[in-house]
Amino acid sequence: MAEGTIKRLTNKGFGFINIGGDKDIFFHSSDLEGVSYEELQEGQRVSFNEGRGPKGPRAENVQLV
């Protein structure tokens, strides 16, 4: 599993994870495991599997580290 830091959360149920440098990956609240979207905070470390969504790369199976 890859790891990153939550960079941005929106009030629409999705956010972005920074995976190093200027690279970010999208995630949706439906991709969370063992944590609810409301419990997340920007700056938290997470692990995830990289998958493909309709608009490009997407984080799946997102869990707190």
C-alpha atoms as a PDB file:
ATOM      1  CA  MET A   1       0.000   0.000   0.000  1.00  0.00           C
ATOM      2  CA  ALA A   2       1.104   3.537  -0.734  1.00  0.00           C
ATOM      3  CA  GLU A   3       1.088   6.279   1.886  1.00  0.00           C
ATOM      4  CA  GLY A   4       0.396   9.981   1.801  1.00  0.00           C
ATOM      5  CA  THR A   5      -0.972  12.950   3.717  1.00  0.00           C
ATOM      6  CA  ILE A   6      -4.476  14.352   3.444  1.00  0.00           C
ATOM      7  CA  LYS A   7      -3.992  17.669   1.693  1.00  0.00           C
ATOM      8  CA  ARG A   8      -7.538  18.898   1.264  1.00  0.00           C
ATOM      9  CA  LEU A   9     -11.037  17.871   2.344  1.00  0.00           C
ATOM     10  CA  THR A  10     -14.210  19.263   0.811  1.00  0.00           C
ATOM     11  CA  ASN A  11     -17.733  19.544   2.186  1.00  0.00           C
ATOM     12  CA  LYS A  12     -18.925  17.369  -0.734  1.00  0.00           C
ATOM     13  CA  GLY A  13     -17.482  14.078   0.579  1.00  0.00           C
ATOM     14  CA  PHE A  14     -14.195  13.888  -1.283  1.00  0.00           C
ATOM     15  CA  GLY A  15     -10.647  15.077  -0.889  1.00  0.00           C
ATOM     16  CA  PHE A  16      -7.075  14.861  -2.084  1.00  0.00           C
ATOM     17  CA  ILE A  17      -4.042  13.033  -0.710  1.00  0.00           C
ATOM     18  CA  ASN A  18      -0.545  14.401  -1.290  1.00  0.00           C
ATOM     19  CA  ILE A  19       1.705  11.544  -2.385  1.00  0.00           C
ATOM     20  CA  GLY A  20       4.944  13.509  -2.607  1.00  0.00           C
ATOM     21  CA  GLY A  21       6.048  16.779  -4.139  1.00  0.00           C
ATOM     22  CA  ASP A  22       3.343  18.315  -6.290  1.00  0.00           C
ATOM     23  CA  LYS A  23       1.475  15.032  -6.812  1.00  0.00           C
ATOM     24  CA  ASP A  24      -2.016  14.606  -5.365  1.00  0.00           C
ATOM     25  CA  ILE A  25      -4.527  11.792  -5.744  1.00  0.00           C
ATOM     26  CA  PHE A  26      -8.310  12.025  -5.467  1.00  0.00           C
ATOM     27  CA  PHE A  27     -10.347   9.978  -2.968  1.00  0.00           C
ATOM     28  CA  HIS A  28     -14.068   9.733  -2.251  1.00  0.00           C
ATOM     29  CA  SER A  29     -15.689   9.034   1.124  1.00  0.00           C
ATOM     30  CA  SER A  30     -16.916   5.690  -0.263  1.00  0.00           C
ATOM     31  CA  ASP A  31     -13.243   4.610  -0.524  1.00  0.00           C
ATOM     32  CA  LEU A  32     -12.628   4.878   3.249  1.00  0.00           C
ATOM     33  CA  GLU A  33     -12.056   1.800   5.428  1.00  0.00           C
ATOM     34  CA  GLY A  34     -12.296   1.820   9.225  1.00  0.00           C
ATOM     35  CA  VAL A  35     -12.860   5.567   9.503  1.00  0.00           C
ATOM     36  CA  SER A  36     -15.680   7.940   8.603  1.00  0.00           C
ATOM     37  CA  TYR A  37     -15.184  11.018   6.441  1.00  0.00           C
ATOM     38  CA  GLU A  38     -16.179  13.268   9.365  1.00  0.00           C
ATOM     39  CA  GLU A  39     -13.256  11.905  11.446  1.00  0.00           C
ATOM     40  CA  LEU A  40     -10.623  12.903   8.886  1.00  0.00           C
ATOM     41  CA  GLN A  41      -8.471  15.998   9.213  1.00  0.00           C
ATOM     42  CA  GLU A  42      -6.085  17.666   6.822  1.00  0.00           C
ATOM     43  CA  GLY A  43      -2.489  16.650   7.594  1.00  0.00           C
ATOM     44  CA  GLN A  44      -3.318  13.086   8.709  1.00  0.00           C
ATOM     45  CA  ARG A  45      -1.260  10.220   7.281  1.00  0.00           C
ATOM     46  CA  VAL A  46      -3.165   7.584   5.329  1.00  0.00           C
ATOM     47  CA  SER A  47      -2.408   4.426   3.396  1.00  0.00           C
ATOM     48  CA  PHE A  48      -4.251   3.450   0.212  1.00  0.00           C
ATOM     49  CA  ASN A  49      -4.234   1.391  -2.951  1.00  0.00           C
ATOM     50  CA  GLU A  50      -4.008   3.290  -6.207  1.00  0.00           C
ATOM     51  CA  GLY A  51      -6.851   2.587  -8.579  1.00  0.00           C
ATOM     52  CA  ARG A  52      -8.478   4.131 -11.620  1.00  0.00           C
ATOM     53  CA  GLY A  53     -11.589   6.265 -11.670  1.00  0.00           C
ATOM     54  CA  PRO A  54     -13.468   7.778 -14.596  1.00  0.00           C
ATOM     55  CA  LYS A  55     -11.294  10.916 -14.453  1.00  0.00           C
ATOM     56  CA  GLY A  56      -7.902   9.340 -13.714  1.00  0.00           C
ATOM     57  CA  PRO A  57      -5.983   7.974 -10.709  1.00  0.00           C
ATOM     58  CA  ARG A  58      -7.978   7.449  -7.525  1.00  0.00           C
ATOM     59  CA  ALA A  59      -7.106   6.291  -3.990  1.00  0.00           C
ATOM     60  CA  GLU A  60      -9.006   3.182  -2.859  1.00  0.00           C
ATOM     61  CA  ASN A  61      -9.162   1.384   0.505  1.00  0.00           C
ATOM     62  CA  VAL A  62      -8.042   4.564   2.318  1.00  0.00           C
ATOM     63  CA  GLN A  63      -7.094   3.926   5.973  1.00  0.00           C
ATOM     64  CA  LEU A  64      -5.451   5.983   8.702  1.00  0.00           C
ATOM     65  CA  VAL A  65      -1.832   5.049   9.389  1.00  0.00           C
END
